[in-house]
C-alpha atoms as a PDB file:
ATOM      1  CA  UNK A   1     138.531 177.207   8.784  1.00  0.00           C
ATOM      2  CA  UNK A   2     142.117 179.660   8.497  1.00  0.00           C
ATOM      3  CA  UNK A   3     142.296 177.362   5.459  1.00  0.00           C
ATOM      4  CA  UNK A   4     138.967 178.248   3.512  1.00  0.00           C
ATOM      5  CA  UNK A   5     140.952 180.055   0.305  1.00  0.00           C
ATOM      6  CA  UNK A   6     136.803 181.547  -1.280  1.00  0.00           C
ATOM      7  CA  UNK A   7     137.000 182.056  -5.200  1.00  0.00           C
ATOM      8  CA  UNK A   8     137.116 184.794  -7.012  1.00  0.00           C
ATOM      9  CA  UNK A   9     134.219 187.154  -6.471  1.00  0.00           C
ATOM     10  CA  UNK A  10     133.233 189.003 -10.232  1.00  0.00           C
ATOM     11  CA  UNK A  11     132.143 192.131  -9.644  1.00  0.00           C
ATOM     12  CA  UNK A  12     131.266 193.059 -12.834  1.00  0.00           C
ATOM     13  CA  UNK A  13     129.712 189.326 -14.204  1.00  0.00           C
ATOM     14  CA  UNK A  14     125.926 190.588 -14.000  1.00  0.00           C
ATOM     15  CA  UNK A  15     125.289 187.835 -10.940  1.00  0.00           C
ATOM     16  CA  UNK A  16     124.552 189.637  -7.466  1.00  0.00           C
ATOM     17  CA  UNK A  17     127.303 189.476  -5.493  1.00  0.00           C
ATOM     18  CA  UNK A  18     125.146 187.400  -2.463  1.00  0.00           C
ATOM     19  CA  UNK A  19     124.343 184.710  -5.117  1.00  0.00           C
ATOM     20  CA  UNK A  20     128.097 184.430  -5.772  1.00  0.00           C
ATOM     21  CA  UNK A  21     129.360 184.535  -2.347  1.00  0.00           C
ATOM     22  CA  UNK A  22     126.182 181.681  -1.775  1.00  0.00           C
ATOM     23  CA  UNK A  23     127.359 179.626  -4.605  1.00  0.00           C
ATOM     24  CA  UNK A  24     131.092 179.398  -2.557  1.00  0.00           C
ATOM     25  CA  UNK A  25     129.704 178.345   0.714  1.00  0.00           C
ATOM     26  CA  UNK A  26     127.909 176.099  -0.443  1.00  0.00           C
ATOM     27  CA  UNK A  27     130.668 174.475  -2.667  1.00  0.00           C
ATOM     28  CA  UNK A  28     132.779 174.560   0.626  1.00  0.00           C
ATOM     29  CA  UNK A  29     130.402 173.387   2.524  1.00  0.00           C
ATOM     30  CA  UNK A  30     130.146 170.024   0.390  1.00  0.00           C
ATOM     31  CA  UNK A  31     133.430 169.803   0.394  1.00  0.00           C
ATOM     32  CA  UNK A  32     133.730 169.901   4.587  1.00  0.00           C
ATOM     33  CA  UNK A  33     135.636 172.794   4.556  1.00  0.00           C
ATOM     34  CA  UNK A  34     133.989 173.989   7.379  1.00  0.00           C
ATOM     35  CA  UNK A  35     134.973 172.518  11.057  1.00  0.00           C
ATOM     36  CA  UNK A  36     134.165 169.584  12.024  1.00  0.00           C
ATOM     37  CA  UNK A  37     130.462 170.498  13.594  1.00  0.00           C
ATOM     38  CA  UNK A  38     129.919 172.535  10.404  1.00  0.00           C
ATOM     39  CA  UNK A  39     129.764 175.804  12.276  1.00  0.00           C
ATOM     40  CA  UNK A  40     131.001 178.376   9.783  1.00  0.00           C
ATOM     41  CA  UNK A  41     132.669 181.811  10.669  1.00  0.00           C
ATOM     42  CA  UNK A  42     131.055 184.842  12.384  1.00  0.00           C
ATOM     43  CA  UNK A  43     129.026 187.550   9.525  1.00  0.00           C
ATOM     44  CA  UNK A  44     131.879 190.332  10.369  1.00  0.00           C
ATOM     45  CA  UNK A  45     134.626 187.149   9.206  1.00  0.00           C
ATOM     46  CA  UNK A  46     133.095 185.906   6.369  1.00  0.00           C
ATOM     47  CA  UNK A  47     132.572 189.782   4.610  1.00  0.00           C
ATOM     48  CA  UNK A  48     136.102 189.782   5.552  1.00  0.00           C
ATOM     49  CA  UNK A  49     137.483 187.194   3.766  1.00  0.00           C
ATOM     50  CA  UNK A  50     135.023 187.924   0.782  1.00  0.00           C
ATOM     51  CA  UNK A  51     135.476 191.546   0.800  1.00  0.00           C
ATOM     52  CA  UNK A  52     132.197 193.061   1.305  1.00  0.00           C
ATOM     53  CA  UNK A  53     129.779 194.165   3.820  1.00  0.00           C
ATOM     54  CA  UNK A  54     127.750 192.044   6.321  1.00  0.00           C
ATOM     55  CA  UNK A  55     124.624 192.812   4.604  1.00  0.00           C
ATOM     56  CA  UNK A  56     125.786 190.761   1.782  1.00  0.00           C
ATOM     57  CA  UNK A  57     126.706 187.857   3.649  1.00  0.00           C
ATOM     58  CA  UNK A  58     123.368 187.651   5.186  1.00  0.00           C
ATOM     59  CA  UNK A  59     121.666 187.751   2.047  1.00  0.00           C
ATOM     60  CA  UNK A  60     123.711 184.848   0.695  1.00  0.00           C
ATOM     61  CA  UNK A  61     123.443 182.803   4.216  1.00  0.00           C
ATOM     62  CA  UNK A  62     119.925 183.515   3.698  1.00  0.00           C
ATOM     63  CA  UNK A  63     119.226 182.054   0.450  1.00  0.00           C
ATOM     64  CA  UNK A  64     121.397 178.944   2.156  1.00  0.00           C
ATOM     65  CA  UNK A  65     118.878 177.881   4.825  1.00  0.00           C
ATOM     66  CA  UNK A  66     115.782 178.165   2.982  1.00  0.00           C
ATOM     67  CA  UNK A  67     117.569 175.652   0.342  1.00  0.00           C
ATOM     68  CA  UNK A  68     118.181 173.339   3.607  1.00  0.00           C
ATOM     69  CA  UNK A  69     121.623 173.707   2.866  1.00  0.00           C
ATOM     70  CA  UNK A  70     122.321 175.641   6.444  1.00  0.00           C
ATOM     71  CA  UNK A  71     120.560 176.124   9.481  1.00  0.00           C
ATOM     72  CA  UNK A  72     120.962 178.955  12.003  1.00  0.00           C
ATOM     73  CA  UNK A  73     120.712 178.343  15.201  1.00  0.00           C
ATOM     74  CA  UNK A  74     119.924 181.094  17.694  1.00  0.00           C
ATOM     75  CA  UNK A  75     122.488 182.572  20.182  1.00  0.00           C
ATOM     76  CA  UNK A  76     124.662 179.560  18.893  1.00  0.00           C
ATOM     77  CA  UNK A  77     125.144 180.795  14.951  1.00  0.00           C
ATOM     78  CA  UNK A  78     124.949 179.171  11.206  1.00  0.00           C
ATOM     79  CA  UNK A  79     125.783 175.797  10.873  1.00  0.00           C
ATOM     80  CA  UNK A  80     126.017 173.151   7.941  1.00  0.00           C
ATOM     81  CA  UNK A  81     122.184 171.069   7.510  1.00  0.00           C
ATOM     82  CA  UNK A  82     123.673 167.778   7.793  1.00  0.00           C
ATOM     83  CA  UNK A  83     121.639 166.310   5.702  1.00  0.00           C
ATOM     84  CA  UNK A  84     122.494 162.861   3.349  1.00  0.00           C
ATOM     85  CA  UNK A  85     121.736 162.717  -0.234  1.00  0.00           C
ATOM     86  CA  UNK A  86     118.949 159.921  -1.290  1.00  0.00           C
ATOM     87  CA  UNK A  87     119.345 156.850  -3.399  1.00  0.00           C
ATOM     88  CA  UNK A  88     117.305 157.216  -5.794  1.00  0.00           C
ATOM     89  CA  UNK A  89     116.782 153.883  -7.393  1.00  0.00           C
ATOM     90  CA  UNK A  90     117.014 153.369 -11.070  1.00  0.00           C
ATOM     91  CA  UNK A  91     115.986 149.895 -12.686  1.00  0.00           C
ATOM     92  CA  UNK A  92     113.201 147.925 -14.767  1.00  0.00           C
ATOM     93  CA  UNK A  93     110.628 149.708 -12.456  1.00  0.00           C
ATOM     94  CA  UNK A  94     111.612 153.098 -11.412  1.00  0.00           C
ATOM     95  CA  UNK A  95     108.851 154.956  -8.957  1.00  0.00           C
ATOM     96  CA  UNK A  96     109.681 158.112  -7.243  1.00  0.00           C
ATOM     97  CA  UNK A  97     107.351 157.334  -3.757  1.00  0.00           C
ATOM     98  CA  UNK A  98     108.345 153.695  -4.024  1.00  0.00           C
ATOM     99  CA  UNK A  99     112.004 154.069  -4.488  1.00  0.00           C
ATOM    100  CA  UNK A 100     112.244 156.848  -1.511  1.00  0.00           C
ATOM    101  CA  UNK A 101     109.613 155.140   0.910  1.00  0.00           C
ATOM    102  CA  UNK A 102     112.268 153.870   2.954  1.00  0.00           C
ATOM    103  CA  UNK A 103     114.344 157.050   3.419  1.00  0.00           C
ATOM    104  CA  UNK A 104     111.150 159.867   3.483  1.00  0.00           C
ATOM    105  CA  UNK A 105     108.243 160.388   5.712  1.00  0.00           C
ATOM    106  CA  UNK A 106     106.020 162.308   2.723  1.00  0.00           C
ATOM    107  CA  UNK A 107     106.830 162.728  -1.190  1.00  0.00           C
ATOM    108  CA  UNK A 108     104.607 164.658  -3.494  1.00  0.00           C
ATOM    109  CA  UNK A 109     104.592 165.387  -7.136  1.00  0.00           C
ATOM    110  CA  UNK A 110     103.367 169.037  -8.471  1.00  0.00           C
ATOM    111  CA  UNK A 111     102.490 169.601 -11.677  1.00  0.00           C
ATOM    112  CA  UNK A 112     103.867 173.014 -12.751  1.00  0.00           C
ATOM    113  CA  UNK A 113     102.544 173.475 -16.584  1.00  0.00           C
ATOM    114  CA  UNK A 114     101.174 171.303 -19.497  1.00  0.00           C
ATOM    115  CA  UNK A 115     100.772 171.624 -23.069  1.00  0.00           C
ATOM    116  CA  UNK A 116      99.773 169.900 -25.933  1.00  0.00           C
ATOM    117  CA  UNK A 117     102.103 170.479 -29.168  1.00  0.00           C
ATOM    118  CA  UNK A 118     103.731 168.465 -31.921  1.00  0.00           C
ATOM    119  CA  UNK A 119     106.240 165.741 -31.148  1.00  0.00           C
ATOM    120  CA  UNK A 120     109.878 167.105 -32.703  1.00  0.00           C
ATOM    121  CA  UNK A 121     112.024 164.532 -33.918  1.00  0.00           C
ATOM    122  CA  UNK A 122     113.661 162.988 -30.448  1.00  0.00           C
ATOM    123  CA  UNK A 123     110.555 162.237 -28.827  1.00  0.00           C
ATOM    124  CA  UNK A 124     108.763 160.975 -31.409  1.00  0.00           C
ATOM    125  CA  UNK A 125     111.621 158.717 -32.034  1.00  0.00           C
ATOM    126  CA  UNK A 126     111.223 157.985 -28.355  1.00  0.00           C
ATOM    127  CA  UNK A 127     107.994 157.545 -28.100  1.00  0.00           C
ATOM    128  CA  UNK A 128     107.567 155.199 -31.593  1.00  0.00           C
ATOM    129  CA  UNK A 129     105.426 158.110 -33.583  1.00  0.00           C
ATOM    130  CA  UNK A 130     105.697 159.848 -36.124  1.00  0.00           C
ATOM    131  CA  UNK A 131     107.492 163.095 -36.151  1.00  0.00           C
ATOM    132  CA  UNK A 132     104.685 166.071 -35.759  1.00  0.00           C
ATOM    133  CA  UNK A 133     102.283 164.091 -33.901  1.00  0.00           C
ATOM    134  CA  UNK A 134     100.769 165.264 -31.088  1.00  0.00           C
ATOM    135  CA  UNK A 135     101.822 165.127 -28.007  1.00  0.00           C
ATOM    136  CA  UNK A 136     101.055 166.033 -23.928  1.00  0.00           C
ATOM    137  CA  UNK A 137     104.090 167.565 -22.092  1.00  0.00           C
ATOM    138  CA  UNK A 138     104.333 167.698 -18.678  1.00  0.00           C
ATOM    139  CA  UNK A 139     106.273 169.827 -16.370  1.00  0.00           C
ATOM    140  CA  UNK A 140     106.486 168.704 -12.773  1.00  0.00           C
ATOM    141  CA  UNK A 141     108.409 168.920  -9.776  1.00  0.00           C
ATOM    142  CA  UNK A 142     109.122 166.323  -7.000  1.00  0.00           C
ATOM    143  CA  UNK A 143     109.804 166.853  -3.496  1.00  0.00           C
ATOM    144  CA  UNK A 144     110.636 164.342  -0.253  1.00  0.00           C
ATOM    145  CA  UNK A 145     110.198 166.183   3.217  1.00  0.00           C
ATOM    146  CA  UNK A 146     109.552 169.561   1.847  1.00  0.00           C
ATOM    147  CA  UNK A 147     112.582 169.261  -0.321  1.00  0.00           C
ATOM    148  CA  UNK A 148     112.418 169.671  -4.016  1.00  0.00           C
ATOM    149  CA  UNK A 149     114.873 166.989  -5.471  1.00  0.00           C
ATOM    150  CA  UNK A 150     113.602 166.857  -8.947  1.00  0.00           C
ATOM    151  CA  UNK A 151     112.192 168.556 -12.106  1.00  0.00           C
ATOM    152  CA  UNK A 152     111.077 166.376 -14.734  1.00  0.00           C
ATOM    153  CA  UNK A 153     109.809 166.883 -18.350  1.00  0.00           C
ATOM    154  CA  UNK A 154     107.672 163.886 -19.558  1.00  0.00           C
ATOM    155  CA  UNK A 155     106.103 163.887 -23.170  1.00  0.00           C
ATOM    156  CA  UNK A 156     103.432 161.345 -24.024  1.00  0.00           C
ATOM    157  CA  UNK A 157     101.235 160.713 -26.877  1.00  0.00           C
ATOM    158  CA  UNK A 158      98.220 163.150 -26.934  1.00  0.00           C
ATOM    159  CA  UNK A 159      95.617 160.182 -28.443  1.00  0.00           C
ATOM    160  CA  UNK A 160      96.473 157.528 -26.108  1.00  0.00           C
ATOM    161  CA  UNK A 161      96.829 159.667 -22.926  1.00  0.00           C
ATOM    162  CA  UNK A 162      94.040 162.472 -23.236  1.00  0.00           C
ATOM    163  CA  UNK A 163      94.032 163.905 -19.825  1.00  0.00           C
ATOM    164  CA  UNK A 164      96.848 162.738 -18.349  1.00  0.00           C
ATOM    165  CA  UNK A 165      97.293 166.219 -17.290  1.00  0.00           C
ATOM    166  CA  UNK A 166      94.412 166.629 -15.477  1.00  0.00           C
ATOM    167  CA  UNK A 167      95.077 162.801 -13.417  1.00  0.00           C
ATOM    168  CA  UNK A 168      98.548 164.201 -12.259  1.00  0.00           C
ATOM    169  CA  UNK A 169      97.238 167.325 -11.377  1.00  0.00           C
ATOM    170  CA  UNK A 170      94.947 165.639  -9.518  1.00  0.00           C
ATOM    171  CA  UNK A 171      97.168 162.552  -8.240  1.00  0.00           C
ATOM    172  CA  UNK A 172     100.688 163.949  -8.190  1.00  0.00           C
ATOM    173  CA  UNK A 173     101.801 160.527  -9.643  1.00  0.00           C
ATOM    174  CA  UNK A 174     102.760 159.093 -13.318  1.00  0.00           C
ATOM    175  CA  UNK A 175     102.339 155.763 -12.015  1.00  0.00           C
ATOM    176  CA  UNK A 176      98.457 156.238 -11.169  1.00  0.00           C
ATOM    177  CA  UNK A 177      97.452 158.476 -13.733  1.00  0.00           C
ATOM    178  CA  UNK A 178      98.617 155.902 -16.042  1.00  0.00           C
ATOM    179  CA  UNK A 179      96.717 153.590 -13.993  1.00  0.00           C
ATOM    180  CA  UNK A 180      93.512 155.992 -14.450  1.00  0.00           C
ATOM    181  CA  UNK A 181      94.058 155.849 -18.455  1.00  0.00           C
ATOM    182  CA  UNK A 182      94.033 151.668 -18.378  1.00  0.00           C
ATOM    183  CA  UNK A 183      97.854 151.323 -17.655  1.00  0.00           C
ATOM    184  CA  UNK A 184      98.324 148.794 -14.919  1.00  0.00           C
ATOM    185  CA  UNK A 185     102.322 148.434 -15.098  1.00  0.00           C
ATOM    186  CA  UNK A 186     104.789 149.956 -17.368  1.00  0.00           C
ATOM    187  CA  UNK A 187     108.808 149.266 -17.135  1.00  0.00           C
ATOM    188  CA  UNK A 188     111.801 151.422 -17.666  1.00  0.00           C
ATOM    189  CA  UNK A 189     112.706 150.808 -21.185  1.00  0.00           C
ATOM    190  CA  UNK A 190     116.681 152.958 -21.162  1.00  0.00           C
ATOM    191  CA  UNK A 191     118.234 155.099 -19.301  1.00  0.00           C
ATOM    192  CA  UNK A 192     121.082 157.118 -19.922  1.00  0.00           C
ATOM    193  CA  UNK A 193     122.834 159.943 -17.033  1.00  0.00           C
ATOM    194  CA  UNK A 194     124.960 163.001 -17.457  1.00  0.00           C
ATOM    195  CA  UNK A 195     125.531 166.015 -15.464  1.00  0.00           C
ATOM    196  CA  UNK A 196     125.396 169.631 -15.750  1.00  0.00           C
ATOM    197  CA  UNK A 197     125.288 173.059 -14.500  1.00  0.00           C
ATOM    198  CA  UNK A 198     122.260 173.949 -13.515  1.00  0.00           C
ATOM    199  CA  UNK A 199     119.557 176.763 -15.698  1.00  0.00           C
ATOM    200  CA  UNK A 200     117.656 179.220 -14.667  1.00  0.00           C
ATOM    201  CA  UNK A 201     114.009 177.020 -14.577  1.00  0.00           C
ATOM    202  CA  UNK A 202     116.320 174.313 -12.582  1.00  0.00           C
ATOM    203  CA  UNK A 203     117.353 177.508  -9.984  1.00  0.00           C
ATOM    204  CA  UNK A 204     113.980 178.496  -9.413  1.00  0.00           C
ATOM    205  CA  UNK A 205     112.248 175.303  -9.326  1.00  0.00           C
ATOM    206  CA  UNK A 206     114.971 173.177  -7.018  1.00  0.00           C
ATOM    207  CA  UNK A 207     115.594 176.400  -4.976  1.00  0.00           C
ATOM    208  CA  UNK A 208     119.397 175.965  -6.125  1.00  0.00           C
ATOM    209  CA  UNK A 209     122.130 178.443  -6.078  1.00  0.00           C
ATOM    210  CA  UNK A 210     123.674 179.407  -9.073  1.00  0.00           C
ATOM    211  CA  UNK A 211     126.542 176.900  -9.839  1.00  0.00           C
ATOM    212  CA  UNK A 212     124.690 174.124  -8.941  1.00  0.00           C
ATOM    213  CA  UNK A 213     125.054 170.990 -10.259  1.00  0.00           C
ATOM    214  CA  UNK A 214     121.681 168.349 -11.780  1.00  0.00           C
ATOM    215  CA  UNK A 215     122.008 165.366 -12.550  1.00  0.00           C
ATOM    216  CA  UNK A 216     120.147 164.993 -15.585  1.00  0.00           C
ATOM    217  CA  UNK A 217     118.264 161.519 -16.893  1.00  0.00           C
ATOM    218  CA  UNK A 218     116.725 160.807 -20.156  1.00  0.00           C
ATOM    219  CA  UNK A 219     114.590 157.834 -20.156  1.00  0.00           C
ATOM    220  CA  UNK A 220     112.016 155.697 -21.953  1.00  0.00           C
ATOM    221  CA  UNK A 221     109.098 154.011 -20.156  1.00  0.00           C
ATOM    222  CA  UNK A 222     106.726 150.698 -21.823  1.00  0.00           C
ATOM    223  CA  UNK A 223     104.186 149.497 -21.547  1.00  0.00           C
ATOM    224  CA  UNK A 224     103.869 145.613 -20.802  1.00  0.00           C
ATOM    225  CA  UNK A 225     103.597 144.495 -24.323  1.00  0.00           C
ATOM    226  CA  UNK A 226     106.917 146.791 -25.078  1.00  0.00           C
ATOM    227  CA  UNK A 227     105.090 149.792 -26.607  1.00  0.00           C
ATOM    228  CA  UNK A 228     107.160 153.257 -25.418  1.00  0.00           C
ATOM    229  CA  UNK A 229     104.594 155.282 -23.597  1.00  0.00           C
ATOM    230  CA  UNK A 230     106.710 158.154 -21.645  1.00  0.00           C
ATOM    231  CA  UNK A 231     109.897 159.860 -22.731  1.00  0.00           C
ATOM    232  CA  UNK A 232     110.880 161.793 -19.912  1.00  0.00           C
ATOM    233  CA  UNK A 233     113.592 164.472 -19.075  1.00  0.00           C
ATOM    234  CA  UNK A 234     114.063 164.370 -15.675  1.00  0.00           C
ATOM    235  CA  UNK A 235     116.916 167.276 -13.512  1.00  0.00           C
ATOM    236  CA  UNK A 236     117.738 165.920 -10.399  1.00  0.00           C
ATOM    237  CA  UNK A 237     120.000 167.797  -7.368  1.00  0.00           C
ATOM    238  CA  UNK A 238     123.668 166.694  -7.271  1.00  0.00           C
ATOM    239  CA  UNK A 239     123.478 167.882  -3.657  1.00  0.00           C
ATOM    240  CA  UNK A 240     120.233 166.441  -2.525  1.00  0.00           C
ATOM    241  CA  UNK A 241     120.297 162.694  -4.768  1.00  0.00           C
ATOM    242  CA  UNK A 242     122.501 160.412  -5.891  1.00  0.00           C
ATOM    243  CA  UNK A 243     121.389 157.816  -8.708  1.00  0.00           C
ATOM    244  CA  UNK A 244     121.714 153.959  -8.045  1.00  0.00           C
ATOM    245  CA  UNK A 245     121.481 152.105 -10.998  1.00  0.00           C
ATOM    246  CA  UNK A 246     120.349 148.754 -11.116  1.00  0.00           C
ATOM    247  CA  UNK A 247     118.725 145.971 -12.872  1.00  0.00           C
ATOM    248  CA  UNK A 248     115.933 146.179 -10.629  1.00  0.00           C
ATOM    249  CA  UNK A 249     114.309 147.943  -7.750  1.00  0.00           C
END
């Protein structure tokens, strides 16, 4: 643990010190920089190491416990929560619940918000619509065993899929919602993957610390006739999920 070298704490950055420290502890935990048992040093040692008071360190640790990065054990100390990344398959039939069924006990989809809007060029091109056509946008979060794994933004043709927002709110499932609207099956037409720093909404929705990385996929799903039905942009917590890309899932 004496090897631990924290990055620089920027006192005038506008980012709270406890958030900066949480980010650094999180990075060190991911890199396996703590002792073999994953136990953190005492709060006083961390406070001295970062040049802050114990209350600031305590706030940072509390955030990471809430995130699931750390766990606190009465009388023993604070430990890195050893939870392996979930493997999320992306293939011709990408489904959240099916893809994680063998790795998790409970899976939940939550509708954060929905809106009816006009399609910009990228959305219109992806869905085979005219620019300015009406679309429905869903903002969603998917969780597994109580951990937020992904934040999704999906667009649908508002004429063909009127009411999909209500269906998703009731079912928590895109697949079930599409089935209610006449789509018995569909396939993944294309997927691109990039990585970026989590933005403010990602941090809030996925309960991440500043500096966290998200894996971003942009994809188009099509019905069995090959017509695009969903354009989606998904942000996965890189600490909790790895993407496994293959032909079939």
